[in-house]
Amino acid sequence: MVEKEGIIREYKKREYFEKPSTILNRKKKAIQRKLLKKSRKGRADY
């Protein structure tokens, strides 16, 4: 139930202070990885 609520993930995220710029960079990298994965998936259809 705790895992379902996301409490453990939230705790790990808040365990250490992260600068706002670091958070932004991490989110940008995650978006890039997602787009790259999506583009690779699209090429496999040929």
PDB file of N, CA and C in Angstrom:
ATOM      1  N   MET A   1       0.839  -1.191   0.000  1.00  0.00           N
ATOM      2  CA  MET A   1       0.000   0.000   0.000  1.00  0.00           C
ATOM      3  C   MET A   1       0.889   1.263   0.000  1.00  0.00           C
ATOM      4  N   VAL A   2       1.947   1.218   0.801  1.00  0.00           N
ATOM      5  CA  VAL A   2       2.861   2.367   0.876  1.00  0.00           C
ATOM      6  C   VAL A   2       3.508   2.601  -0.484  1.00  0.00           C
ATOM      7  N   GLU A   3       3.922   1.517  -1.133  1.00  0.00           N
ATOM      8  CA  GLU A   3       4.555   1.632  -2.445  1.00  0.00           C
ATOM      9  C   GLU A   3       3.568   2.186  -3.477  1.00  0.00           C
ATOM     10  N   LYS A   4       2.333   1.767  -3.369  1.00  0.00           N
ATOM     11  CA  LYS A   4       1.295   2.226  -4.290  1.00  0.00           C
ATOM     12  C   LYS A   4       1.084   3.736  -4.165  1.00  0.00           C
ATOM     13  N   GLU A   5       1.162   4.230  -2.953  1.00  0.00           N
ATOM     14  CA  GLU A   5       0.966   5.662  -2.705  1.00  0.00           C
ATOM     15  C   GLU A   5       2.155   6.498  -3.176  1.00  0.00           C
ATOM     16  N   GLY A   6       3.309   5.851  -3.369  1.00  0.00           N
ATOM     17  CA  GLY A   6       4.487   6.580  -3.816  1.00  0.00           C
ATOM     18  C   GLY A   6       5.266   7.231  -2.688  1.00  0.00           C
ATOM     19  N   ILE A   7       5.038   6.793  -1.473  1.00  0.00           N
ATOM     20  CA  ILE A   7       5.685   7.407  -0.318  1.00  0.00           C
ATOM     21  C   ILE A   7       7.188   7.136  -0.320  1.00  0.00           C
ATOM     22  N   ILE A   8       7.581   5.913  -0.644  1.00  0.00           N
ATOM     23  CA  ILE A   8       9.003   5.574  -0.651  1.00  0.00           C
ATOM     24  C   ILE A   8       9.739   6.373  -1.717  1.00  0.00           C
ATOM     25  N   ARG A   9       9.153   6.480  -2.898  1.00  0.00           N
ATOM     26  CA  ARG A   9       9.771   7.248  -3.981  1.00  0.00           C
ATOM     27  C   ARG A   9       9.899   8.716  -3.583  1.00  0.00           C
ATOM     28  N   GLU A  10       8.860   9.246  -2.952  1.00  0.00           N
ATOM     29  CA  GLU A  10       8.872  10.636  -2.508  1.00  0.00           C
ATOM     30  C   GLU A  10       9.953  10.855  -1.448  1.00  0.00           C
ATOM     31  N   TYR A  11      10.102   9.915  -0.540  1.00  0.00           N
ATOM     32  CA  TYR A  11      11.125  10.020   0.498  1.00  0.00           C
ATOM     33  C   TYR A  11      12.523  10.046  -0.108  1.00  0.00           C
ATOM     34  N   LYS A  12      12.769   9.137  -1.049  1.00  0.00           N
ATOM     35  CA  LYS A  12      14.089   9.081  -1.679  1.00  0.00           C
ATOM     36  C   LYS A  12      14.383  10.362  -2.446  1.00  0.00           C
ATOM     37  N   LYS A  13      13.355  10.930  -3.052  1.00  0.00           N
ATOM     38  CA  LYS A  13      13.532  12.165  -3.815  1.00  0.00           C
ATOM     39  C   LYS A  13      13.882  13.335  -2.889  1.00  0.00           C
ATOM     40  N   ARG A  14      13.325  13.342  -1.690  1.00  0.00           N
ATOM     41  CA  ARG A  14      13.547  14.444  -0.760  1.00  0.00           C
ATOM     42  C   ARG A  14      14.658  14.174   0.257  1.00  0.00           C
ATOM     43  N   GLU A  15      15.319  13.036   0.144  1.00  0.00           N
ATOM     44  CA  GLU A  15      16.337  12.662   1.124  1.00  0.00           C
ATOM     45  C   GLU A  15      17.479  13.675   1.172  1.00  0.00           C
ATOM     46  N   TYR A  16      17.876  14.170   0.007  1.00  0.00           N
ATOM     47  CA  TYR A  16      18.953  15.155  -0.076  1.00  0.00           C
ATOM     48  C   TYR A  16      18.439  16.382  -0.810  1.00  0.00           C
ATOM     49  N   PHE A  17      18.999  17.544  -0.461  1.00  0.00           N
ATOM     50  CA  PHE A  17      18.609  18.780  -1.142  1.00  0.00           C
ATOM     51  C   PHE A  17      19.207  18.796  -2.544  1.00  0.00           C
ATOM     52  N   GLU A  18      18.379  19.165  -3.492  1.00  0.00           N
ATOM     53  CA  GLU A  18      18.851  19.316  -4.870  1.00  0.00           C
ATOM     54  C   GLU A  18      18.605  20.746  -5.311  1.00  0.00           C
ATOM     55  N   LYS A  19      19.612  21.318  -5.951  1.00  0.00           N
ATOM     56  CA  LYS A  19      19.441  22.679  -6.451  1.00  0.00           C
ATOM     57  C   LYS A  19      18.388  22.662  -7.557  1.00  0.00           C
ATOM     58  N   PRO A  20      17.641  23.749  -7.698  1.00  0.00           N
ATOM     59  CA  PRO A  20      16.638  23.814  -8.757  1.00  0.00           C
ATOM     60  C   PRO A  20      17.212  23.580 -10.151  1.00  0.00           C
ATOM     61  N   SER A  21      18.437  24.063 -10.387  1.00  0.00           N
ATOM     62  CA  SER A  21      19.060  23.861 -11.699  1.00  0.00           C
ATOM     63  C   SER A  21      19.337  22.378 -11.947  1.00  0.00           C
ATOM     64  N   THR A  22      19.703  21.652 -10.910  1.00  0.00           N
ATOM     65  CA  THR A  22      19.963  20.213 -11.033  1.00  0.00           C
ATOM     66  C   THR A  22      18.677  19.473 -11.364  1.00  0.00           C
ATOM     67  N   ILE A  23      17.599  19.853 -10.712  1.00  0.00           N
ATOM     68  CA  ILE A  23      16.300  19.233 -10.977  1.00  0.00           C
ATOM     69  C   ILE A  23      15.890  19.475 -12.424  1.00  0.00           C
ATOM     70  N   LEU A  24      16.072  20.711 -12.887  1.00  0.00           N
ATOM     71  CA  LEU A  24      15.722  21.060 -14.256  1.00  0.00           C
ATOM     72  C   LEU A  24      16.541  20.263 -15.257  1.00  0.00           C
ATOM     73  N   ASN A  25      17.849  20.152 -15.018  1.00  0.00           N
ATOM     74  CA  ASN A  25      18.707  19.382 -15.915  1.00  0.00           C
ATOM     75  C   ASN A  25      18.293  17.919 -15.952  1.00  0.00           C
ATOM     76  N   ARG A  26      17.946  17.346 -14.802  1.00  0.00           N
ATOM     77  CA  ARG A  26      17.534  15.951 -14.745  1.00  0.00           C
ATOM     78  C   ARG A  26      16.246  15.730 -15.538  1.00  0.00           C
ATOM     79  N   LYS A  27      15.319  16.664 -15.420  1.00  0.00           N
ATOM     80  CA  LYS A  27      14.056  16.553 -16.163  1.00  0.00           C
ATOM     81  C   LYS A  27      14.289  16.673 -17.668  1.00  0.00           C
ATOM     82  N   LYS A  28      15.171  17.587 -18.073  1.00  0.00           N
ATOM     83  CA  LYS A  28      15.478  17.749 -19.497  1.00  0.00           C
ATOM     84  C   LYS A  28      16.101  16.484 -20.064  1.00  0.00           C
ATOM     85  N   LYS A  29      17.023  15.875 -19.318  1.00  0.00           N
ATOM     86  CA  LYS A  29      17.662  14.642 -19.770  1.00  0.00           C
ATOM     87  C   LYS A  29      16.650  13.514 -19.886  1.00  0.00           C
ATOM     88  N   ALA A  30      15.714  13.463 -18.955  1.00  0.00           N
ATOM     89  CA  ALA A  30      14.685  12.428 -18.992  1.00  0.00           C
ATOM     90  C   ALA A  30      13.811  12.589 -20.239  1.00  0.00           C
ATOM     91  N   ILE A  31      13.482  13.819 -20.580  1.00  0.00           N
ATOM     92  CA  ILE A  31      12.674  14.079 -21.777  1.00  0.00           C
ATOM     93  C   ILE A  31      13.447  13.676 -23.028  1.00  0.00           C
ATOM     94  N   GLN A  32      14.740  14.005 -23.068  1.00  0.00           N
ATOM     95  CA  GLN A  32      15.566  13.636 -24.220  1.00  0.00           C
ATOM     96  C   GLN A  32      15.639  12.127 -24.382  1.00  0.00           C
ATOM     97  N   ARG A  33      15.820  11.406 -23.273  1.00  0.00           N
ATOM     98  CA  ARG A  33      15.866   9.938 -23.336  1.00  0.00           C
ATOM     99  C   ARG A  33      14.549   9.380 -23.857  1.00  0.00           C
ATOM    100  N   LYS A  34      13.448   9.952 -23.391  1.00  0.00           N
ATOM    101  CA  LYS A  34      12.124   9.501 -23.813  1.00  0.00           C
ATOM    102  C   LYS A  34      11.929   9.723 -25.306  1.00  0.00           C
ATOM    103  N   LEU A  35      12.335  10.892 -25.806  1.00  0.00           N
ATOM    104  CA  LEU A  35      12.200  11.194 -27.230  1.00  0.00           C
ATOM    105  C   LEU A  35      13.098  10.296 -28.074  1.00  0.00           C
ATOM    106  N   LEU A  36      14.319  10.047 -27.594  1.00  0.00           N
ATOM    107  CA  LEU A  36      15.247   9.183 -28.311  1.00  0.00           C
ATOM    108  C   LEU A  36      14.691   7.768 -28.410  1.00  0.00           C
ATOM    109  N   LYS A  37      14.149   7.287 -27.316  1.00  0.00           N
ATOM    110  CA  LYS A  37      13.568   5.947 -27.292  1.00  0.00           C
ATOM    111  C   LYS A  37      12.378   5.869 -28.256  1.00  0.00           C
ATOM    112  N   LYS A  38      11.575   6.926 -28.263  1.00  0.00           N
ATOM    113  CA  LYS A  38      10.401   6.964 -29.142  1.00  0.00           C
ATOM    114  C   LYS A  38      10.836   6.993 -30.618  1.00  0.00           C
ATOM    115  N   SER A  39      11.884   7.754 -30.913  1.00  0.00           N
ATOM    116  CA  SER A  39      12.353   7.838 -32.301  1.00  0.00           C
ATOM    117  C   SER A  39      12.964   6.508 -32.761  1.00  0.00           C
ATOM    118  N   ARG A  40      13.646   5.834 -31.859  1.00  0.00           N
ATOM    119  CA  ARG A  40      14.214   4.530 -32.219  1.00  0.00           C
ATOM    120  C   ARG A  40      13.103   3.512 -32.479  1.00  0.00           C
ATOM    121  N   LYS A  41      12.073   3.589 -31.697  1.00  0.00           N
ATOM    122  CA  LYS A  41      10.944   2.670 -31.852  1.00  0.00           C
ATOM    123  C   LYS A  41      10.254   2.887 -33.202  1.00  0.00           C
ATOM    124  N   GLY A  42      10.166   4.144 -33.612  1.00  0.00           N
ATOM    125  CA  GLY A  42       9.529   4.486 -34.870  1.00  0.00           C
ATOM    126  C   GLY A  42      10.310   3.977 -36.080  1.00  0.00           C
ATOM    127  N   ARG A  43      11.620   3.927 -35.978  1.00  0.00           N
ATOM    128  CA  ARG A  43      12.458   3.463 -37.087  1.00  0.00           C
ATOM    129  C   ARG A  43      12.338   1.965 -37.314  1.00  0.00           C
ATOM    130  N   ALA A  44      11.997   1.217 -36.299  1.00  0.00           N
ATOM    131  CA  ALA A  44      11.924  -0.242 -36.386  1.00  0.00           C
ATOM    132  C   ALA A  44      10.768  -0.689 -37.295  1.00  0.00           C
ATOM    133  N   ASP A  45       9.864   0.197 -37.599  1.00  0.00           N
ATOM    134  CA  ASP A  45       8.705  -0.162 -38.431  1.00  0.00           C
ATOM    135  C   ASP A  45       9.049  -0.298 -39.905  1.00  0.00           C
ATOM    136  N   TYR A  46      10.197   0.178 -40.340  1.00  0.00           N
ATOM    137  CA  TYR A  46      10.544   0.156 -41.763  1.00  0.00           C
ATOM    138  C   TYR A  46      10.878  -1.214 -42.249  1.00  0.00           C
TER     139      TYR A  46
END
